[in-house]
Amino acid sequence: SSKGPTWLIENEVSGLITALEDAKALAAAIGRVLGEAGLASQLADAGHAAYQARFSEPAVVEHYIELFKTVVR
């Protein structure tokens, strides 16, 4: 797998990560999303929640406030 998505996507929680250049694994992951009832919405919901927790405006502002608190001390 690529190192990029692993910090952003939790495998089997907010996405399905496959090895690079493994077409069969990618096809199997796509097949799971299409074939398993509710999997797509579970992954989407978990991905959205992770985004909100880490990258929404309130989350980013909170991170900056915490950073500024450590710099001011």
N, C-alpha and C. Protein backbone atom coordinates (compact mmCIF):
# COMPACT_ATOMS: atom_id res chain seq x y z
N SER A 1 0.83 -1.19 0.00
CA SER A 1 0.00 0.00 0.00
C SER A 1 0.87 1.24 0.00
N SER A 2 0.32 2.30 -0.44
CA SER A 2 1.00 3.58 -0.44
C SER A 2 1.03 4.12 0.98
N LYS A 3 2.09 4.79 1.35
CA LYS A 3 2.17 5.34 2.70
C LYS A 3 1.21 6.50 2.88
N GLY A 4 0.88 7.23 1.82
CA GLY A 4 -0.01 8.38 1.92
C GLY A 4 -1.34 8.07 2.57
N PRO A 5 -2.11 7.14 2.02
CA PRO A 5 -3.44 6.89 2.58
C PRO A 5 -3.45 6.31 3.98
N THR A 6 -2.36 5.66 4.41
CA THR A 6 -2.40 5.00 5.71
C THR A 6 -2.51 5.98 6.87
N TRP A 7 -2.10 7.22 6.70
CA TRP A 7 -2.28 8.18 7.79
C TRP A 7 -3.67 8.80 7.73
N LEU A 8 -4.35 8.62 6.61
CA LEU A 8 -5.65 9.24 6.43
C LEU A 8 -6.80 8.24 6.51
N ILE A 9 -6.55 7.02 6.04
CA ILE A 9 -7.59 6.00 5.96
C ILE A 9 -7.24 4.85 6.89
N GLU A 10 -8.17 4.49 7.75
CA GLU A 10 -7.99 3.32 8.61
C GLU A 10 -8.60 2.13 7.88
N ASN A 11 -7.75 1.17 7.53
CA ASN A 11 -8.21 0.03 6.76
C ASN A 11 -9.33 -0.71 7.47
N GLU A 12 -10.36 -1.04 6.72
CA GLU A 12 -11.55 -1.75 7.18
C GLU A 12 -12.45 -0.89 8.07
N VAL A 13 -12.07 0.37 8.32
CA VAL A 13 -12.90 1.27 9.13
C VAL A 13 -13.41 2.42 8.27
N SER A 14 -12.48 3.19 7.71
CA SER A 14 -12.88 4.34 6.89
C SER A 14 -12.50 4.15 5.42
N GLY A 15 -12.08 2.98 5.08
CA GLY A 15 -11.73 2.67 3.70
C GLY A 15 -11.14 1.28 3.60
N LEU A 16 -10.86 0.87 2.40
CA LEU A 16 -10.22 -0.41 2.16
C LEU A 16 -8.90 -0.12 1.44
N ILE A 17 -7.81 -0.50 2.04
CA ILE A 17 -6.49 -0.24 1.47
C ILE A 17 -5.96 -1.54 0.87
N THR A 18 -5.47 -1.45 -0.35
CA THR A 18 -4.89 -2.61 -1.02
C THR A 18 -3.44 -2.30 -1.39
N ALA A 19 -2.69 -3.34 -1.66
CA ALA A 19 -1.30 -3.17 -2.07
C ALA A 19 -1.24 -2.47 -3.42
N LEU A 20 -0.19 -1.68 -3.58
CA LEU A 20 0.02 -1.02 -4.86
C LEU A 20 0.20 -2.05 -5.97
N GLU A 21 -0.32 -1.75 -7.11
CA GLU A 21 -0.17 -2.57 -8.30
C GLU A 21 -0.72 -3.99 -8.15
N ASP A 22 -1.68 -4.17 -7.23
CA ASP A 22 -2.33 -5.47 -7.06
C ASP A 22 -3.77 -5.34 -7.54
N ALA A 23 -3.92 -5.55 -8.84
CA ALA A 23 -5.24 -5.36 -9.46
C ALA A 23 -6.28 -6.32 -8.88
N LYS A 24 -5.88 -7.53 -8.56
CA LYS A 24 -6.84 -8.50 -8.01
C LYS A 24 -7.34 -8.05 -6.63
N ALA A 25 -6.43 -7.54 -5.81
CA ALA A 25 -6.84 -7.06 -4.48
C ALA A 25 -7.75 -5.84 -4.61
N LEU A 26 -7.43 -4.96 -5.54
CA LEU A 26 -8.28 -3.78 -5.77
C LEU A 26 -9.66 -4.20 -6.25
N ALA A 27 -9.70 -5.13 -7.18
CA ALA A 27 -10.98 -5.63 -7.68
C ALA A 27 -11.79 -6.29 -6.56
N ALA A 28 -11.12 -7.03 -5.70
CA ALA A 28 -11.81 -7.68 -4.57
C ALA A 28 -12.37 -6.64 -3.61
N ALA A 29 -11.60 -5.57 -3.35
CA ALA A 29 -12.07 -4.51 -2.46
C ALA A 29 -13.28 -3.81 -3.06
N ILE A 30 -13.23 -3.52 -4.35
CA ILE A 30 -14.36 -2.89 -5.02
C ILE A 30 -15.57 -3.82 -4.98
N GLY A 31 -15.33 -5.11 -5.19
CA GLY A 31 -16.41 -6.09 -5.12
C GLY A 31 -17.05 -6.13 -3.75
N ARG A 32 -16.23 -6.01 -2.71
CA ARG A 32 -16.78 -5.98 -1.34
C ARG A 32 -17.68 -4.78 -1.15
N VAL A 33 -17.21 -3.61 -1.58
CA VAL A 33 -18.00 -2.39 -1.41
C VAL A 33 -19.33 -2.50 -2.15
N LEU A 34 -19.28 -3.09 -3.33
CA LEU A 34 -20.50 -3.22 -4.12
C LEU A 34 -21.40 -4.35 -3.62
N GLY A 35 -20.79 -5.39 -3.05
CA GLY A 35 -21.56 -6.58 -2.71
C GLY A 35 -22.00 -6.72 -1.26
N GLU A 36 -21.30 -6.11 -0.34
CA GLU A 36 -21.65 -6.25 1.07
C GLU A 36 -22.62 -5.15 1.47
N ALA A 37 -23.78 -5.55 1.88
CA ALA A 37 -24.82 -4.60 2.26
C ALA A 37 -24.33 -3.67 3.37
N GLY A 38 -24.43 -2.39 3.12
CA GLY A 38 -24.10 -1.40 4.15
C GLY A 38 -22.62 -1.05 4.25
N LEU A 39 -21.74 -1.78 3.58
CA LEU A 39 -20.31 -1.50 3.73
C LEU A 39 -19.95 -0.11 3.22
N ALA A 40 -20.46 0.25 2.05
CA ALA A 40 -20.14 1.57 1.49
C ALA A 40 -20.55 2.69 2.44
N SER A 41 -21.74 2.60 3.01
CA SER A 41 -22.19 3.67 3.91
C SER A 41 -21.42 3.64 5.23
N GLN A 42 -21.04 2.47 5.70
CA GLN A 42 -20.22 2.39 6.92
C GLN A 42 -18.87 3.06 6.71
N LEU A 43 -18.23 2.75 5.59
CA LEU A 43 -16.93 3.35 5.29
C LEU A 43 -17.06 4.86 5.11
N ALA A 44 -18.11 5.29 4.39
CA ALA A 44 -18.33 6.71 4.16
C ALA A 44 -18.60 7.44 5.48
N ASP A 45 -19.42 6.86 6.33
CA ASP A 45 -19.73 7.49 7.62
C ASP A 45 -18.48 7.61 8.49
N ALA A 46 -17.69 6.55 8.53
CA ALA A 46 -16.45 6.58 9.34
C ALA A 46 -15.45 7.57 8.75
N GLY A 47 -15.35 7.62 7.43
CA GLY A 47 -14.46 8.58 6.80
C GLY A 47 -14.88 10.01 7.06
N HIS A 48 -16.18 10.27 7.01
CA HIS A 48 -16.69 11.61 7.29
C HIS A 48 -16.43 11.99 8.74
N ALA A 49 -16.65 11.07 9.66
CA ALA A 49 -16.40 11.34 11.07
C ALA A 49 -14.92 11.63 11.32
N ALA A 50 -14.04 10.87 10.67
CA ALA A 50 -12.60 11.10 10.82
C ALA A 50 -12.23 12.47 10.26
N TYR A 51 -12.79 12.82 9.13
CA TYR A 51 -12.55 14.14 8.55
C TYR A 51 -12.99 15.24 9.51
N GLN A 52 -14.20 15.12 10.02
CA GLN A 52 -14.72 16.13 10.94
C GLN A 52 -13.82 16.27 12.17
N ALA A 53 -13.37 15.14 12.69
CA ALA A 53 -12.55 15.15 13.91
C ALA A 53 -11.16 15.74 13.66
N ARG A 54 -10.63 15.60 12.45
CA ARG A 54 -9.25 16.01 12.20
C ARG A 54 -9.10 17.23 11.32
N PHE A 55 -10.02 17.47 10.39
CA PHE A 55 -9.80 18.49 9.37
C PHE A 55 -10.88 19.55 9.26
N SER A 56 -11.95 19.45 10.04
CA SER A 56 -12.98 20.49 9.99
C SER A 56 -12.42 21.78 10.58
N GLU A 57 -13.09 22.87 10.30
CA GLU A 57 -12.62 24.16 10.82
C GLU A 57 -12.47 24.14 12.35
N PRO A 58 -13.46 23.67 13.11
CA PRO A 58 -13.29 23.65 14.57
C PRO A 58 -12.09 22.80 15.02
N ALA A 59 -11.87 21.67 14.37
CA ALA A 59 -10.75 20.81 14.74
C ALA A 59 -9.42 21.49 14.45
N VAL A 60 -9.30 22.11 13.30
CA VAL A 60 -8.05 22.77 12.92
C VAL A 60 -7.80 23.98 13.83
N VAL A 61 -8.83 24.74 14.11
CA VAL A 61 -8.68 25.89 15.01
C VAL A 61 -8.22 25.42 16.38
N GLU A 62 -8.80 24.36 16.88
CA GLU A 62 -8.40 23.82 18.19
C GLU A 62 -6.92 23.41 18.18
N HIS A 63 -6.47 22.80 17.10
CA HIS A 63 -5.05 22.42 17.00
C HIS A 63 -4.16 23.65 17.03
N TYR A 64 -4.57 24.70 16.32
CA TYR A 64 -3.79 25.94 16.33
C TYR A 64 -3.77 26.56 17.72
N ILE A 65 -4.90 26.57 18.40
CA ILE A 65 -4.95 27.14 19.75
C ILE A 65 -4.01 26.37 20.67
N GLU A 66 -4.03 25.06 20.59
CA GLU A 66 -3.11 24.25 21.42
C GLU A 66 -1.66 24.54 21.07
N LEU A 67 -1.36 24.71 19.79
CA LEU A 67 0.01 25.05 19.37
C LEU A 67 0.41 26.40 19.95
N PHE A 68 -0.48 27.38 19.81
CA PHE A 68 -0.17 28.72 20.32
C PHE A 68 0.04 28.70 21.83
N LYS A 69 -0.71 27.89 22.55
CA LYS A 69 -0.54 27.78 23.99
C LYS A 69 0.86 27.28 24.33
N THR A 70 1.38 26.35 23.56
CA THR A 70 2.72 25.83 23.86
C THR A 70 3.80 26.83 23.49
N VAL A 71 3.56 27.67 22.49
CA VAL A 71 4.54 28.67 22.08
C VAL A 71 4.57 29.83 23.07
N VAL A 72 3.45 30.20 23.63
CA VAL A 72 3.35 31.34 24.52
C VAL A 72 4.00 31.04 25.88
N ARG A 73 3.98 29.82 26.31
CA ARG A 73 4.51 29.48 27.63
C ARG A 73 5.95 29.75 27.78
